Protein backbone atom coordinates (compact mmCIF):
# COMPACT_ATOMS: atom_id res chain seq x y z
CA MET A 1 25.43 -228.69 108.59
CA LYS A 2 27.83 -228.89 105.64
CA THR A 3 26.87 -231.40 102.96
CA TYR A 4 30.41 -231.72 101.61
CA ASP A 5 33.91 -230.46 102.27
CA ASN A 6 35.93 -228.98 99.44
CA ASN A 7 39.11 -231.03 99.28
CA ALA A 8 42.24 -229.50 97.71
CA PHE A 9 43.58 -233.01 97.03
CA PHE A 10 40.44 -233.75 94.99
CA TRP A 11 41.05 -230.65 92.86
CA GLN A 12 44.67 -231.72 92.39
CA LYS A 13 43.40 -234.97 90.84
CA VAL A 14 40.88 -233.04 88.68
CA ASP A 15 43.74 -230.85 87.40
CA THR A 16 45.83 -233.93 86.62
CA LEU A 17 42.94 -235.49 84.71
CA PHE A 18 42.39 -232.28 82.74
CA LEU A 19 46.07 -231.64 82.00
CA SER A 20 46.64 -235.24 80.84
CA GLY A 21 44.10 -234.89 78.02
CA ARG A 22 43.22 -232.60 75.16
CA VAL A 23 39.96 -230.70 74.74
CA ASN A 24 38.20 -231.28 71.43
CA ILE A 25 35.91 -228.28 70.85
CA GLU A 26 32.69 -229.35 69.10
CA LYS A 27 30.43 -226.32 69.60
CA HIS A 28 31.56 -222.72 69.64
CA GLN A 29 30.11 -219.88 71.67
CA GLY A 30 26.94 -218.73 69.90
CA ASP A 31 26.24 -222.10 68.19
CA ARG A 32 22.75 -223.57 68.52
CA HIS A 33 22.18 -226.87 70.31
CA PRO A 34 21.70 -229.61 67.68
CA VAL A 35 18.36 -230.80 69.15
CA TYR A 36 16.98 -227.78 71.03
CA SER A 37 17.38 -224.81 68.68
CA ASN A 38 16.34 -222.30 71.37
CA MET A 39 19.49 -223.18 73.34
CA ILE A 40 22.60 -221.17 72.43
CA TYR A 41 26.02 -222.25 73.73
CA PRO A 42 27.28 -219.49 76.06
CA VAL A 43 30.95 -220.57 75.73
CA ASP A 44 32.90 -223.11 73.68
CA TYR A 45 31.93 -226.72 74.43
CA GLY A 46 33.69 -229.99 73.82
CA HIS A 47 35.03 -233.16 75.35
CA LEU A 48 38.27 -234.20 77.05
CA ASN A 49 39.84 -236.98 75.02
CA ASP A 50 40.96 -240.25 76.63
CA THR A 51 38.41 -239.96 79.47
CA ILE A 52 35.32 -241.97 80.32
CA SER A 53 31.83 -240.51 80.69
CA ILE A 54 28.23 -241.39 79.89
CA THR A 55 29.00 -240.65 76.23
CA GLU A 56 31.71 -242.28 74.17
CA LYS A 57 33.23 -238.85 73.54
CA GLY A 58 34.66 -238.31 77.04
CA LEU A 59 34.04 -235.78 79.81
CA SER A 60 32.11 -232.66 78.85
CA VAL A 61 34.13 -229.43 79.03
CA TYR A 62 32.89 -225.84 78.88
CA VAL A 63 35.75 -223.46 78.02
CA GLY A 64 35.60 -219.85 79.17
CA SER A 65 37.66 -216.78 78.35
CA LEU A 66 40.27 -216.94 81.14
CA LYS A 67 43.76 -217.95 80.02
CA PRO A 68 45.70 -220.02 80.90
CA TRP A 69 43.04 -222.64 81.26
CA SER A 70 42.41 -224.18 84.65
CA VAL A 71 39.45 -226.10 86.03
CA THR A 72 37.40 -223.45 87.83
CA SER A 73 34.44 -225.63 88.88
CA LEU A 74 32.46 -228.77 88.14
CA ILE A 75 28.80 -229.26 87.37
CA VAL A 76 26.89 -232.40 88.24
CA ALA A 77 23.89 -232.82 85.94
CA VAL A 78 20.89 -235.13 86.27
CA ASP A 79 18.63 -235.90 83.31
CA ILE A 80 15.46 -237.80 84.24
CA LEU A 81 14.48 -238.43 80.61
CA GLU A 82 17.80 -240.12 79.84
CA LYS A 83 18.01 -241.52 83.39
CA SER A 84 21.59 -240.32 83.62
CA MET A 85 23.98 -238.35 85.80
CA ASP A 86 27.03 -236.63 84.36
CA VAL A 87 29.93 -234.46 85.53
CA LYS A 88 30.99 -231.48 83.42
CA MET A 89 34.23 -229.47 83.74
CA LEU A 90 34.24 -225.69 83.59
CA VAL A 91 37.65 -224.51 82.44
CA GLY A 92 38.81 -220.91 82.54
CA CYS A 93 35.31 -219.62 83.27
CA THR A 94 34.53 -216.25 84.81
CA GLU A 95 31.65 -215.94 87.28
CA GLU A 96 29.44 -214.51 84.53
CA GLU A 97 30.30 -217.36 82.15
CA THR A 98 29.59 -219.89 84.91
CA ASN A 99 26.17 -218.33 85.52
CA ASN A 100 25.45 -218.38 81.78
CA ILE A 101 26.40 -222.07 81.58
CA LEU A 102 24.14 -222.87 84.54
CA HIS A 103 21.26 -221.02 82.86
CA PHE A 104 21.97 -222.89 79.60
CA LEU A 105 21.95 -226.30 81.33
CA ASN A 106 18.89 -225.69 83.53
CA GLN A 107 16.41 -224.61 80.85
CA SER A 108 14.50 -227.90 80.95
CA ASP A 109 12.37 -229.26 83.79
CA PHE A 110 13.91 -232.67 83.04
CA HIS A 111 17.59 -231.67 83.30
CA LYS A 112 18.96 -229.96 86.43
CA THR A 113 22.43 -229.26 87.75
CA VAL A 114 24.43 -228.30 90.82
CA LEU A 115 27.69 -226.35 90.85
CA ILE A 116 30.80 -227.38 92.78
CA ASN A 117 33.21 -224.46 93.05
CA ARG A 118 36.91 -225.01 93.44
CA GLY A 119 38.28 -224.75 96.97
CA THR A 120 41.62 -224.99 98.74
CA ASP A 121 40.63 -226.49 102.10
CA ILE A 122 41.92 -229.90 103.15
CA PRO A 123 39.47 -231.57 105.55
CA SER A 124 40.85 -234.07 108.06
CA TRP A 125 39.29 -237.00 106.18
CA GLY A 126 41.02 -235.90 102.98
CA VAL A 127 44.52 -236.83 104.21
CA SER A 128 45.52 -240.39 103.37
CA ASP A 129 47.35 -242.62 105.86
CA ASP A 130 50.31 -243.15 103.49
């Protein structure tokens, strides 16, 4: 049984959200995490301005090496210490970069993630009545 259907209309809205903002890079590939010095950022990291997230900075964005930038996948992260759930955008990421980001984010027993890859299917429930 499928747990979700990948809806092309959903990804259209994600693209619109991404393209309507600007990414502010705060950490560059190779920088150390400010709290956990053993964690090294695998790609550039920042936030999408004018968006809402669990932080005041906006949605988290990991920027890979593919140009032009497009949202390649999303990560949903759960942190039981902070009692939070957050969505992170992966933009222009190769498969290797995506795997490196997943490894980076899953190093703690208290913080785990799932990956949602971009799809093009339109399930029957995804079509509005308008």
